[in-house]
Amino acid sequence: MHDITQAHCSRCGHSTHHDILGVDHREYEGGTYDLYEMLRCRGCNEVTMRRTSLWIEDEPPFVFYYPPVIARRAPDWMIASSVPAPIRALMRETYTSVENNSRRLVAMGIRAAIENVMIEKVGDQQSFKSLVDAFQKAGYLSVRQAMALDTILEAGHATIHRGWEPTNQDIATLLDIAETIIESAYLHEDRARDLDRKVPKRQRPAKPAQ
C-alpha cells in the first residue's frame, strides 16, 4: 500500500487524494531542504512530481508541481491572428507565470502587455496617463474601463518599485481586466462587422403610388 496525500490534480481540476509513489529528500545548511514526491491521482491516475522547498527559515515552504498546475485556461484569442503576435507572446509568458505561481511576474507581464496594446493602437504618448487618455479618446475604453486600466498599471508599478505581492484573487482580477481590454481592442470590432454582414437589413417601405 502507498502512503496517501492531498495534492492538486490539473486533469481533475481540484485537490484530490494521491498515492505517493516515491520520495527523495535533500537537506542543506541552515535547516533548508527540498522534498521531491512522485504522485499519482487516485481519481484519474495522472502522475505528477511535487517539490516542496524551504529556502528561508521561519517562512512557509514553496510548493511546485511538474508539469505546472494549470490555474487558468488561456482564452481562445491566444491563437487568433487578429491579436498581434508580440502581445500574444507576452500574455503566453504571463499565463506560464500563473501556472508557476509567480504572481509578481504575472502583474508585471499584464502591465507590459496592456502597455503594448495601447502603444500599438494609439502610438507612444510619452507618459502612462497620456497613453490611457489617448486610448480612451480613441474609443477603446469606457470611463469605468479606464479606471480599471489605471489599476493594472498601478499594480505593475507597485510590484516593480514597492515590492507588492498580489494574492491569487488579485491576479484573477488583473487577468479579467486585461483579457477584456484586449478583446475590446482587437476582437469586438471584427465580431461586430461579421455580425453586421449576417443580420438581414431592414427594408424601406415602398413609396405609395402617385
N, C-alpha and C. Protein backbone atom coordinates (compact mmCIF):
# COMPACT_ATOMS: atom_id res chain seq x y z
N MET A 1 0.83 -1.19 0.00
CA MET A 1 0.00 0.00 0.00
C MET A 1 0.87 1.25 0.00
N HIS A 2 0.48 2.26 -0.80
CA HIS A 2 1.20 3.53 -0.84
C HIS A 2 0.63 4.48 0.21
N ASP A 3 1.51 5.37 0.70
CA ASP A 3 1.02 6.47 1.53
C ASP A 3 0.17 7.39 0.66
N ILE A 4 -0.74 8.13 1.30
CA ILE A 4 -1.68 8.99 0.58
C ILE A 4 -1.50 10.42 1.04
N THR A 5 -1.60 11.37 0.09
CA THR A 5 -1.53 12.79 0.40
C THR A 5 -2.55 13.55 -0.43
N GLN A 6 -2.88 14.76 0.00
CA GLN A 6 -3.72 15.65 -0.79
C GLN A 6 -2.83 16.49 -1.70
N ALA A 7 -3.19 16.60 -2.96
CA ALA A 7 -2.43 17.41 -3.91
C ALA A 7 -3.36 17.87 -5.02
N HIS A 8 -2.95 18.95 -5.70
CA HIS A 8 -3.75 19.46 -6.82
C HIS A 8 -3.55 18.56 -8.04
N CYS A 9 -4.65 18.23 -8.71
CA CYS A 9 -4.58 17.47 -9.96
C CYS A 9 -5.08 18.36 -11.09
N SER A 10 -4.21 18.63 -12.08
CA SER A 10 -4.59 19.50 -13.18
C SER A 10 -5.68 18.87 -14.04
N ARG A 11 -5.64 17.55 -14.21
CA ARG A 11 -6.66 16.89 -15.04
C ARG A 11 -8.02 16.93 -14.36
N CYS A 12 -8.08 16.64 -13.05
CA CYS A 12 -9.35 16.70 -12.32
C CYS A 12 -9.78 18.14 -12.05
N GLY A 13 -8.80 19.07 -11.98
CA GLY A 13 -9.10 20.48 -11.78
C GLY A 13 -9.28 20.90 -10.34
N HIS A 14 -8.91 20.04 -9.40
CA HIS A 14 -9.03 20.41 -7.99
C HIS A 14 -8.14 19.48 -7.16
N SER A 15 -8.13 19.69 -5.85
CA SER A 15 -7.31 18.87 -4.96
C SER A 15 -7.95 17.49 -4.80
N THR A 16 -7.13 16.44 -4.91
CA THR A 16 -7.62 15.07 -4.79
C THR A 16 -6.64 14.24 -3.96
N HIS A 17 -7.06 13.04 -3.61
CA HIS A 17 -6.16 12.10 -2.95
C HIS A 17 -5.16 11.56 -3.97
N HIS A 18 -3.89 11.52 -3.57
CA HIS A 18 -2.83 10.98 -4.42
C HIS A 18 -2.04 9.90 -3.67
N ASP A 19 -1.67 8.86 -4.40
CA ASP A 19 -0.71 7.89 -3.88
C ASP A 19 0.69 8.48 -3.99
N ILE A 20 1.51 8.32 -2.97
CA ILE A 20 2.91 8.73 -3.02
C ILE A 20 3.73 7.55 -3.54
N LEU A 21 4.19 7.64 -4.78
CA LEU A 21 4.90 6.53 -5.41
C LEU A 21 6.37 6.49 -5.03
N GLY A 22 6.96 7.64 -4.75
CA GLY A 22 8.37 7.70 -4.39
C GLY A 22 8.72 9.02 -3.76
N VAL A 23 9.78 9.04 -2.94
CA VAL A 23 10.17 10.25 -2.22
C VAL A 23 11.69 10.38 -2.24
N ASP A 24 12.16 11.63 -2.41
CA ASP A 24 13.58 11.93 -2.24
C ASP A 24 13.68 13.22 -1.43
N HIS A 25 14.58 13.26 -0.46
CA HIS A 25 14.68 14.39 0.45
C HIS A 25 16.12 14.87 0.50
N ARG A 26 16.31 16.18 0.31
CA ARG A 26 17.65 16.78 0.37
C ARG A 26 17.67 17.85 1.45
N GLU A 27 18.63 17.75 2.38
CA GLU A 27 18.77 18.76 3.43
C GLU A 27 20.02 19.59 3.19
N TYR A 28 19.94 20.89 3.54
CA TYR A 28 21.05 21.81 3.34
C TYR A 28 21.36 22.54 4.64
N GLU A 29 22.37 23.37 4.58
CA GLU A 29 22.75 24.13 5.78
C GLU A 29 21.63 25.10 6.19
N GLY A 30 21.54 25.32 7.49
CA GLY A 30 20.54 26.28 7.98
C GLY A 30 19.15 25.73 8.09
N GLY A 31 19.00 24.40 7.96
CA GLY A 31 17.67 23.80 8.10
C GLY A 31 16.81 23.84 6.86
N THR A 32 17.35 24.32 5.73
CA THR A 32 16.57 24.35 4.50
C THR A 32 16.60 22.97 3.84
N TYR A 33 15.64 22.74 2.94
CA TYR A 33 15.55 21.40 2.34
C TYR A 33 14.74 21.45 1.04
N ASP A 34 14.85 20.38 0.27
CA ASP A 34 13.99 20.10 -0.89
C ASP A 34 13.39 18.72 -0.70
N LEU A 35 12.08 18.61 -0.82
CA LEU A 35 11.38 17.34 -0.73
C LEU A 35 10.73 17.06 -2.09
N TYR A 36 11.11 15.96 -2.72
CA TYR A 36 10.56 15.58 -4.02
C TYR A 36 9.65 14.36 -3.83
N GLU A 37 8.41 14.46 -4.37
CA GLU A 37 7.45 13.36 -4.26
C GLU A 37 6.86 13.05 -5.63
N MET A 38 6.87 11.79 -6.02
CA MET A 38 6.19 11.35 -7.23
C MET A 38 4.79 10.90 -6.83
N LEU A 39 3.79 11.54 -7.42
CA LEU A 39 2.40 11.35 -7.00
C LEU A 39 1.54 10.81 -8.14
N ARG A 40 0.52 10.02 -7.77
CA ARG A 40 -0.45 9.54 -8.76
C ARG A 40 -1.86 9.79 -8.23
N CYS A 41 -2.64 10.53 -9.02
CA CYS A 41 -4.00 10.87 -8.61
C CYS A 41 -4.86 9.61 -8.51
N ARG A 42 -5.61 9.50 -7.43
CA ARG A 42 -6.49 8.35 -7.24
C ARG A 42 -7.80 8.49 -8.03
N GLY A 43 -8.02 9.68 -8.59
CA GLY A 43 -9.23 9.88 -9.38
C GLY A 43 -9.03 9.55 -10.85
N CYS A 44 -7.92 10.05 -11.44
CA CYS A 44 -7.72 9.89 -12.89
C CYS A 44 -6.41 9.20 -13.24
N ASN A 45 -5.59 8.86 -12.24
CA ASN A 45 -4.29 8.19 -12.44
C ASN A 45 -3.22 9.08 -13.06
N GLU A 46 -3.45 10.39 -13.12
CA GLU A 46 -2.43 11.30 -13.62
C GLU A 46 -1.22 11.30 -12.67
N VAL A 47 -0.01 11.25 -13.24
CA VAL A 47 1.21 11.21 -12.44
C VAL A 47 1.91 12.57 -12.52
N THR A 48 2.28 13.13 -11.38
CA THR A 48 2.99 14.40 -11.32
C THR A 48 4.09 14.31 -10.26
N MET A 49 5.01 15.27 -10.32
CA MET A 49 6.01 15.38 -9.26
C MET A 49 5.78 16.67 -8.48
N ARG A 50 5.81 16.57 -7.17
CA ARG A 50 5.66 17.74 -6.31
C ARG A 50 6.98 18.01 -5.59
N ARG A 51 7.43 19.25 -5.69
CA ARG A 51 8.65 19.65 -4.99
C ARG A 51 8.28 20.67 -3.92
N THR A 52 8.62 20.37 -2.67
CA THR A 52 8.39 21.28 -1.56
C THR A 52 9.74 21.78 -1.08
N SER A 53 9.96 23.09 -1.15
CA SER A 53 11.28 23.67 -0.86
C SER A 53 11.18 24.70 0.25
N LEU A 54 12.00 24.53 1.27
CA LEU A 54 12.14 25.55 2.31
C LEU A 54 13.47 26.25 2.07
N TRP A 55 13.40 27.51 1.64
CA TRP A 55 14.60 28.26 1.29
C TRP A 55 15.06 29.18 2.41
N ILE A 56 14.11 29.67 3.20
CA ILE A 56 14.42 30.61 4.28
C ILE A 56 13.72 30.12 5.54
N GLU A 57 14.48 29.97 6.62
CA GLU A 57 13.88 29.52 7.87
C GLU A 57 12.79 30.49 8.33
N ASP A 58 11.81 29.92 9.04
CA ASP A 58 10.70 30.70 9.63
C ASP A 58 9.78 31.28 8.57
N GLU A 59 9.89 30.83 7.31
CA GLU A 59 8.95 31.23 6.26
C GLU A 59 8.31 29.97 5.69
N PRO A 60 7.07 30.08 5.18
CA PRO A 60 6.42 28.89 4.63
C PRO A 60 7.21 28.34 3.43
N PRO A 61 7.20 27.02 3.24
CA PRO A 61 7.90 26.45 2.07
C PRO A 61 7.17 26.77 0.78
N PHE A 62 7.90 26.73 -0.33
CA PHE A 62 7.33 26.88 -1.66
C PHE A 62 6.97 25.50 -2.20
N VAL A 63 5.86 25.42 -2.91
CA VAL A 63 5.43 24.15 -3.48
C VAL A 63 5.33 24.30 -5.00
N PHE A 64 5.98 23.41 -5.74
CA PHE A 64 5.98 23.41 -7.20
C PHE A 64 5.47 22.06 -7.69
N TYR A 65 4.75 22.09 -8.81
CA TYR A 65 4.31 20.85 -9.45
C TYR A 65 4.91 20.76 -10.85
N TYR A 66 5.25 19.56 -11.26
CA TYR A 66 5.76 19.29 -12.61
C TYR A 66 4.96 18.14 -13.21
N PRO A 67 4.24 18.36 -14.32
CA PRO A 67 4.08 19.65 -15.00
C PRO A 67 3.37 20.66 -14.12
N PRO A 68 3.52 21.97 -14.44
CA PRO A 68 2.95 23.01 -13.58
C PRO A 68 1.43 22.89 -13.44
N VAL A 69 0.94 23.35 -12.30
CA VAL A 69 -0.50 23.38 -12.07
C VAL A 69 -1.16 24.33 -13.07
N ILE A 70 -2.20 23.89 -13.74
CA ILE A 70 -2.93 24.75 -14.67
C ILE A 70 -3.96 25.53 -13.87
N ALA A 71 -3.66 26.81 -13.60
CA ALA A 71 -4.51 27.60 -12.72
C ALA A 71 -5.58 28.37 -13.48
N ARG A 72 -5.36 28.62 -14.75
CA ARG A 72 -6.32 29.41 -15.53
C ARG A 72 -6.17 29.07 -16.99
N ARG A 73 -7.27 28.82 -17.64
CA ARG A 73 -7.24 28.48 -19.05
C ARG A 73 -7.03 29.73 -19.88
N ALA A 74 -6.06 29.69 -20.77
CA ALA A 74 -5.82 30.84 -21.64
C ALA A 74 -7.00 31.01 -22.59
N PRO A 75 -7.39 32.25 -22.90
CA PRO A 75 -8.54 32.47 -23.79
C PRO A 75 -8.26 32.02 -25.22
N ASP A 76 -9.33 31.82 -25.97
CA ASP A 76 -9.20 31.34 -27.35
C ASP A 76 -8.44 32.31 -28.24
N TRP A 77 -8.49 33.61 -27.91
CA TRP A 77 -7.82 34.58 -28.78
C TRP A 77 -6.30 34.48 -28.70
N MET A 78 -5.76 33.64 -27.83
CA MET A 78 -4.32 33.44 -27.79
C MET A 78 -3.80 32.85 -29.10
N ILE A 79 -4.68 32.23 -29.87
CA ILE A 79 -4.27 31.71 -31.18
C ILE A 79 -4.94 32.48 -32.33
N ALA A 80 -5.51 33.64 -32.00
CA ALA A 80 -6.20 34.44 -33.02
C ALA A 80 -5.20 35.37 -33.70
N SER A 81 -5.21 35.37 -35.02
CA SER A 81 -4.27 36.20 -35.77
C SER A 81 -4.59 37.68 -35.64
N SER A 82 -5.82 38.03 -35.22
CA SER A 82 -6.19 39.44 -35.11
C SER A 82 -5.50 40.13 -33.93
N VAL A 83 -5.01 39.36 -32.97
CA VAL A 83 -4.23 39.93 -31.87
C VAL A 83 -2.75 39.83 -32.25
N PRO A 84 -2.02 40.95 -32.26
CA PRO A 84 -0.61 40.93 -32.71
C PRO A 84 0.22 39.90 -31.96
N ALA A 85 1.13 39.27 -32.71
CA ALA A 85 1.96 38.20 -32.14
C ALA A 85 2.76 38.64 -30.91
N PRO A 86 3.37 39.85 -30.89
CA PRO A 86 4.13 40.24 -29.70
C PRO A 86 3.27 40.31 -28.44
N ILE A 87 2.01 40.73 -28.58
CA ILE A 87 1.13 40.82 -27.42
C ILE A 87 0.72 39.42 -26.97
N ARG A 88 0.44 38.53 -27.93
CA ARG A 88 0.13 37.14 -27.56
C ARG A 88 1.32 36.48 -26.88
N ALA A 89 2.54 36.80 -27.35
CA ALA A 89 3.74 36.22 -26.73
C ALA A 89 3.89 36.68 -25.29
N LEU A 90 3.65 37.97 -25.04
CA LEU A 90 3.71 38.48 -23.68
C LEU A 90 2.68 37.81 -22.77
N MET A 91 1.46 37.65 -23.29
CA MET A 91 0.42 37.02 -22.49
C MET A 91 0.70 35.54 -22.29
N ARG A 92 1.31 34.88 -23.28
CA ARG A 92 1.66 33.47 -23.11
C ARG A 92 2.65 33.30 -21.96
N GLU A 93 3.64 34.17 -21.90
CA GLU A 93 4.60 34.12 -20.80
C GLU A 93 3.91 34.45 -19.47
N THR A 94 2.94 35.33 -19.53
CA THR A 94 2.20 35.68 -18.32
C THR A 94 1.42 34.48 -17.79
N TYR A 95 0.74 33.74 -18.68
CA TYR A 95 0.00 32.56 -18.24
C TYR A 95 0.93 31.47 -17.72
N THR A 96 2.13 31.37 -18.30
CA THR A 96 3.12 30.43 -17.76
C THR A 96 3.50 30.82 -16.34
N SER A 97 3.63 32.12 -16.08
CA SER A 97 3.92 32.59 -14.72
C SER A 97 2.77 32.28 -13.77
N VAL A 98 1.52 32.34 -14.27
CA VAL A 98 0.37 31.97 -13.45
C VAL A 98 0.48 30.51 -13.04
N GLU A 99 0.81 29.64 -14.00
CA GLU A 99 0.91 28.21 -13.72
C GLU A 99 1.98 27.93 -12.67
N ASN A 100 3.03 28.75 -12.65
CA ASN A 100 4.13 28.53 -11.71
C ASN A 100 4.00 29.36 -10.44
N ASN A 101 2.83 29.99 -10.27
CA ASN A 101 2.55 30.78 -9.07
C ASN A 101 3.54 31.92 -8.87
N SER A 102 4.05 32.47 -9.98
CA SER A 102 4.97 33.62 -9.91
C SER A 102 4.14 34.89 -10.05
N ARG A 103 3.48 35.28 -8.96
CA ARG A 103 2.46 36.33 -9.03
C ARG A 103 3.05 37.69 -9.36
N ARG A 104 4.23 38.01 -8.88
CA ARG A 104 4.82 39.30 -9.22
C ARG A 104 5.09 39.38 -10.73
N LEU A 105 5.60 38.29 -11.29
CA LEU A 105 5.87 38.28 -12.73
C LEU A 105 4.57 38.40 -13.53
N VAL A 106 3.49 37.83 -13.01
CA VAL A 106 2.18 37.95 -13.69
C VAL A 106 1.76 39.42 -13.74
N ALA A 107 1.86 40.12 -12.62
CA ALA A 107 1.46 41.53 -12.58
C ALA A 107 2.31 42.36 -13.54
N MET A 108 3.62 42.10 -13.57
CA MET A 108 4.49 42.82 -14.49
C MET A 108 4.16 42.48 -15.95
N GLY A 109 3.89 41.21 -16.22
CA GLY A 109 3.57 40.80 -17.59
C GLY A 109 2.28 41.41 -18.10
N ILE A 110 1.27 41.48 -17.24
CA ILE A 110 0.00 42.09 -17.63
C ILE A 110 0.21 43.56 -17.95
N ARG A 111 0.95 44.24 -17.10
CA ARG A 111 1.22 45.67 -17.33
C ARG A 111 1.93 45.88 -18.66
N ALA A 112 2.94 45.06 -18.93
CA ALA A 112 3.69 45.19 -20.19
C ALA A 112 2.80 44.91 -21.39
N ALA A 113 1.96 43.89 -21.31
CA ALA A 113 1.10 43.54 -22.43
C ALA A 113 0.11 44.66 -22.74
N ILE A 114 -0.54 45.20 -21.70
CA ILE A 114 -1.54 46.25 -21.92
C ILE A 114 -0.87 47.53 -22.43
N GLU A 115 0.31 47.83 -21.92
CA GLU A 115 1.04 49.00 -22.43
C GLU A 115 1.32 48.83 -23.93
N ASN A 116 1.71 47.64 -24.34
CA ASN A 116 1.96 47.37 -25.76
C ASN A 116 0.69 47.47 -26.59
N VAL A 117 -0.44 47.02 -26.03
CA VAL A 117 -1.72 47.15 -26.73
C VAL A 117 -2.01 48.62 -27.01
N MET A 118 -1.87 49.47 -26.01
CA MET A 118 -2.18 50.89 -26.17
C MET A 118 -1.23 51.56 -27.16
N ILE A 119 0.05 51.26 -27.06
CA ILE A 119 1.01 51.87 -28.00
C ILE A 119 0.73 51.42 -29.42
N GLU A 120 0.37 50.15 -29.59
CA GLU A 120 0.08 49.64 -30.93
C GLU A 120 -1.15 50.32 -31.54
N LYS A 121 -2.09 50.70 -30.68
CA LYS A 121 -3.34 51.29 -31.17
C LYS A 121 -3.25 52.82 -31.33
N VAL A 122 -2.58 53.52 -30.41
CA VAL A 122 -2.61 54.99 -30.45
C VAL A 122 -1.22 55.61 -30.48
N GLY A 123 -0.17 54.79 -30.52
CA GLY A 123 1.18 55.33 -30.57
C GLY A 123 1.72 55.67 -29.19
N ASP A 124 3.02 55.88 -29.10
CA ASP A 124 3.66 56.20 -27.83
C ASP A 124 3.33 57.64 -27.44
N GLN A 125 2.76 57.81 -26.24
CA GLN A 125 2.32 59.13 -25.77
C GLN A 125 3.24 59.71 -24.70
N GLN A 126 4.39 59.10 -24.46
CA GLN A 126 5.43 59.61 -23.56
C GLN A 126 5.12 59.43 -22.07
N SER A 127 3.87 59.25 -21.68
CA SER A 127 3.55 59.02 -20.27
C SER A 127 2.34 58.09 -20.20
N PHE A 128 2.22 57.35 -19.09
CA PHE A 128 1.12 56.41 -18.95
C PHE A 128 -0.22 57.12 -18.94
N LYS A 129 -0.31 58.24 -18.25
CA LYS A 129 -1.58 58.95 -18.19
C LYS A 129 -2.01 59.42 -19.57
N SER A 130 -1.06 59.97 -20.33
CA SER A 130 -1.38 60.41 -21.69
C SER A 130 -1.75 59.23 -22.57
N LEU A 131 -1.09 58.11 -22.34
CA LEU A 131 -1.38 56.91 -23.12
C LEU A 131 -2.79 56.41 -22.85
N VAL A 132 -3.17 56.34 -21.58
CA VAL A 132 -4.52 55.90 -21.22
C VAL A 132 -5.56 56.88 -21.76
N ASP A 133 -5.29 58.18 -21.64
CA ASP A 133 -6.23 59.18 -22.14
C ASP A 133 -6.44 59.05 -23.64
N ALA A 134 -5.34 58.86 -24.38
CA ALA A 134 -5.45 58.72 -25.84
C ALA A 134 -6.18 57.44 -26.21
N PHE A 135 -5.93 56.37 -25.47
CA PHE A 135 -6.59 55.08 -25.72
C PHE A 135 -8.09 55.20 -25.48
N GLN A 136 -8.46 55.96 -24.45
CA GLN A 136 -9.88 56.16 -24.17
C GLN A 136 -10.52 57.06 -25.22
N LYS A 137 -9.85 58.14 -25.60
CA LYS A 137 -10.41 59.04 -26.61
C LYS A 137 -10.58 58.35 -27.95
N ALA A 138 -9.74 57.35 -28.22
CA ALA A 138 -9.86 56.61 -29.47
C ALA A 138 -11.05 55.65 -29.46
N GLY A 139 -11.72 55.55 -28.32
CA GLY A 139 -12.95 54.74 -28.25
C GLY A 139 -12.76 53.32 -27.76
N TYR A 140 -11.58 52.99 -27.27
CA TYR A 140 -11.33 51.62 -26.84
C TYR A 140 -11.72 51.37 -25.38
N LEU A 141 -11.99 52.44 -24.62
CA LEU A 141 -12.29 52.30 -23.21
C LEU A 141 -13.48 53.17 -22.82
N SER A 142 -14.32 52.62 -21.94
CA SER A 142 -15.31 53.45 -21.26
C SER A 142 -14.62 54.12 -20.06
N VAL A 143 -15.34 54.99 -19.37
CA VAL A 143 -14.77 55.65 -18.19
C VAL A 143 -14.42 54.61 -17.13
N ARG A 144 -15.29 53.64 -16.91
CA ARG A 144 -15.03 52.61 -15.91
C ARG A 144 -13.86 51.73 -16.32
N GLN A 145 -13.76 51.41 -17.59
CA GLN A 145 -12.63 50.60 -18.06
C GLN A 145 -11.32 51.35 -17.89
N ALA A 146 -11.36 52.67 -18.10
CA ALA A 146 -10.15 53.46 -17.91
C ALA A 146 -9.70 53.41 -16.45
N MET A 147 -10.65 53.43 -15.53
CA MET A 147 -10.30 53.31 -14.11
C MET A 147 -9.69 51.94 -13.82
N ALA A 148 -10.26 50.90 -14.44
CA ALA A 148 -9.72 49.56 -14.25
C ALA A 148 -8.32 49.45 -14.83
N LEU A 149 -8.09 50.10 -15.96
CA LEU A 149 -6.76 50.09 -16.58
C LEU A 149 -5.75 50.78 -15.69
N ASP A 150 -6.15 51.87 -15.05
CA ASP A 150 -5.27 52.54 -14.09
C ASP A 150 -4.85 51.57 -12.98
N THR A 151 -5.79 50.70 -12.58
CA THR A 151 -5.48 49.71 -11.55
C THR A 151 -4.40 48.75 -12.02
N ILE A 152 -4.47 48.30 -13.27
CA ILE A 152 -3.46 47.40 -13.81
C ILE A 152 -2.09 48.07 -13.82
N LEU A 153 -2.03 49.29 -14.32
CA LEU A 153 -0.76 49.99 -14.41
C LEU A 153 -0.17 50.23 -13.02
N GLU A 154 -1.03 50.61 -12.06
CA GLU A 154 -0.55 50.86 -10.71
C GLU A 154 -0.09 49.57 -10.04
N ALA A 155 -0.80 48.45 -10.30
CA ALA A 155 -0.40 47.16 -9.73
C ALA A 155 0.98 46.75 -10.24
N GLY A 156 1.20 46.91 -11.54
CA GLY A 156 2.51 46.58 -12.09
C GLY A 156 3.60 47.47 -11.53
N HIS A 157 3.31 48.76 -11.37
CA HIS A 157 4.28 49.70 -10.83
C HIS A 157 4.61 49.36 -9.38
N ALA A 158 3.57 49.02 -8.59
CA ALA A 158 3.78 48.69 -7.18
C ALA A 158 4.60 47.41 -7.05
N THR A 159 4.39 46.47 -7.94
CA THR A 159 5.15 45.22 -7.90
C THR A 159 6.62 45.47 -8.21
N ILE A 160 6.90 46.32 -9.20
CA ILE A 160 8.27 46.57 -9.63
C ILE A 160 9.01 47.43 -8.61
N HIS A 161 8.35 48.49 -8.12
CA HIS A 161 9.07 49.51 -7.35
C HIS A 161 8.82 49.48 -5.85
N ARG A 162 7.72 48.85 -5.41
CA ARG A 162 7.40 48.90 -3.98
C ARG A 162 7.30 47.51 -3.34
N GLY A 163 7.69 46.49 -4.07
CA GLY A 163 7.75 45.15 -3.50
C GLY A 163 6.41 44.52 -3.18
N TRP A 164 5.32 45.01 -3.80
CA TRP A 164 4.00 44.46 -3.53
C TRP A 164 3.85 43.09 -4.16
N GLU A 165 3.27 42.14 -3.41
CA GLU A 165 3.00 40.80 -3.95
C GLU A 165 1.50 40.58 -4.00
N PRO A 166 0.91 40.49 -5.19
CA PRO A 166 -0.53 40.29 -5.29
C PRO A 166 -0.94 38.90 -4.84
N THR A 167 -2.17 38.78 -4.36
CA THR A 167 -2.73 37.48 -3.99
C THR A 167 -3.26 36.79 -5.25
N ASN A 168 -3.68 35.53 -5.10
CA ASN A 168 -4.27 34.81 -6.23
C ASN A 168 -5.54 35.51 -6.71
N GLN A 169 -6.33 36.05 -5.78
CA GLN A 169 -7.54 36.77 -6.18
C GLN A 169 -7.19 38.05 -6.92
N ASP A 170 -6.15 38.75 -6.47
CA ASP A 170 -5.69 39.95 -7.18
C ASP A 170 -5.31 39.60 -8.62
N ILE A 171 -4.59 38.49 -8.78
CA ILE A 171 -4.16 38.06 -10.12
C ILE A 171 -5.36 37.74 -11.00
N ALA A 172 -6.34 37.05 -10.43
CA ALA A 172 -7.55 36.73 -11.20
C ALA A 172 -8.25 38.00 -11.67
N THR A 173 -8.32 39.02 -10.79
CA THR A 173 -8.95 40.28 -11.16
C THR A 173 -8.16 40.99 -12.26
N LEU A 174 -6.83 41.04 -12.12
CA LEU A 174 -6.00 41.70 -13.13
C LEU A 174 -6.12 41.00 -14.48
N LEU A 175 -6.16 39.67 -14.49
CA LEU A 175 -6.30 38.94 -15.75
C LEU A 175 -7.67 39.17 -16.38
N ASP A 176 -8.72 39.22 -15.54
CA ASP A 176 -10.07 39.50 -16.07
C ASP A 176 -10.09 40.85 -16.80
N ILE A 177 -9.50 41.86 -16.16
CA ILE A 177 -9.48 43.21 -16.76
C ILE A 177 -8.65 43.20 -18.04
N ALA A 178 -7.47 42.59 -17.99
CA ALA A 178 -6.58 42.58 -19.16
C ALA A 178 -7.21 41.86 -20.34
N GLU A 179 -7.82 40.71 -20.10
CA GLU A 179 -8.44 39.96 -21.19
C GLU A 179 -9.58 40.76 -21.82
N THR A 180 -10.36 41.45 -20.98
CA THR A 180 -11.47 42.26 -21.50
C THR A 180 -10.95 43.40 -22.38
N ILE A 181 -9.87 44.06 -21.95
CA ILE A 181 -9.31 45.17 -22.72
C ILE A 181 -8.77 44.68 -24.05
N ILE A 182 -8.06 43.56 -24.05
CA ILE A 182 -7.51 43.02 -25.30
C ILE A 182 -8.62 42.61 -26.24
N GLU A 183 -9.65 41.96 -25.71
CA GLU A 183 -10.78 41.58 -26.56
C GLU A 183 -11.48 42.81 -27.15
N SER A 184 -11.64 43.85 -26.33
CA SER A 184 -12.29 45.08 -26.82
C SER A 184 -11.46 45.73 -27.93
N ALA A 185 -10.14 45.70 -27.77
CA ALA A 185 -9.27 46.39 -28.72
C ALA A 185 -9.14 45.65 -30.04
N TYR A 186 -9.22 44.32 -30.03
CA TYR A 186 -8.90 43.57 -31.24
C TYR A 186 -10.02 42.67 -31.77
N LEU A 187 -10.91 42.22 -30.91
CA LEU A 187 -11.86 41.21 -31.35
C LEU A 187 -13.28 41.72 -31.54
N HIS A 188 -13.71 42.66 -30.69
CA HIS A 188 -15.10 43.06 -30.74
C HIS A 188 -15.47 43.73 -32.06
N GLU A 189 -14.56 44.56 -32.61
CA GLU A 189 -14.86 45.20 -33.88
C GLU A 189 -15.03 44.18 -34.99
N ASP A 190 -14.13 43.19 -35.06
CA ASP A 190 -14.22 42.16 -36.08
C ASP A 190 -15.51 41.36 -35.94
N ARG A 191 -15.86 41.01 -34.70
CA ARG A 191 -17.08 40.24 -34.48
C ARG A 191 -18.32 41.06 -34.82
N ALA A 192 -18.29 42.36 -34.50
CA ALA A 192 -19.43 43.22 -34.84
C ALA A 192 -19.60 43.33 -36.35
N ARG A 193 -18.47 43.45 -37.09
CA ARG A 193 -18.56 43.52 -38.56
C ARG A 193 -19.10 42.20 -39.13
N ASP A 194 -18.64 41.08 -38.58
CA ASP A 194 -19.14 39.78 -39.05
C ASP A 194 -20.63 39.66 -38.79
N LEU A 195 -21.07 40.09 -37.61
CA LEU A 195 -22.48 40.02 -37.27
C LEU A 195 -23.29 40.93 -38.17
N ASP A 196 -22.76 42.12 -38.46
CA ASP A 196 -23.47 43.08 -39.30
C ASP A 196 -23.71 42.51 -40.69
N ARG A 197 -22.74 41.73 -41.20
CA ARG A 197 -22.92 41.13 -42.52
C ARG A 197 -23.99 40.04 -42.52
N LYS A 198 -24.20 39.41 -41.36
CA LYS A 198 -25.16 38.31 -41.28
C LYS A 198 -26.59 38.78 -41.04
N VAL A 199 -26.73 39.91 -40.33
CA VAL A 199 -28.07 40.38 -39.95
C VAL A 199 -28.79 40.94 -41.18
N PRO A 200 -30.01 40.45 -41.48
CA PRO A 200 -30.76 41.00 -42.63
C PRO A 200 -31.04 42.48 -42.44
N LYS A 201 -30.85 43.23 -43.50
CA LYS A 201 -31.10 44.67 -43.44
C LYS A 201 -32.59 44.96 -43.48
N ARG A 202 -32.98 46.02 -42.75
CA ARG A 202 -34.39 46.41 -42.75
C ARG A 202 -34.76 47.00 -44.11
N GLN A 203 -35.84 46.53 -44.65
CA GLN A 203 -36.31 47.02 -45.95
C GLN A 203 -37.11 48.30 -45.77
N ARG A 204 -36.76 49.28 -46.55
CA ARG A 204 -37.53 50.52 -46.50
C ARG A 204 -38.89 50.30 -47.14
N PRO A 205 -39.92 50.89 -46.55
CA PRO A 205 -41.27 50.69 -47.14
C PRO A 205 -41.33 51.33 -48.53
N ALA A 206 -42.07 50.68 -49.39
CA ALA A 206 -42.22 51.20 -50.76
C ALA A 206 -42.99 52.51 -50.74
N LYS A 207 -42.57 53.41 -51.59
CA LYS A 207 -43.29 54.68 -51.67
C LYS A 207 -44.67 54.46 -52.29
N PRO A 208 -45.70 55.13 -51.73
CA PRO A 208 -47.04 54.95 -52.31
C PRO A 208 -47.10 55.48 -53.73
N ALA A 209 -47.90 54.84 -54.52
CA ALA A 209 -48.04 55.26 -55.92
C ALA A 209 -48.69 56.64 -55.96
N GLN A 210 -48.19 57.45 -56.89
CA GLN A 210 -48.74 58.81 -57.04
C GLN A 210 -50.07 58.76 -57.74
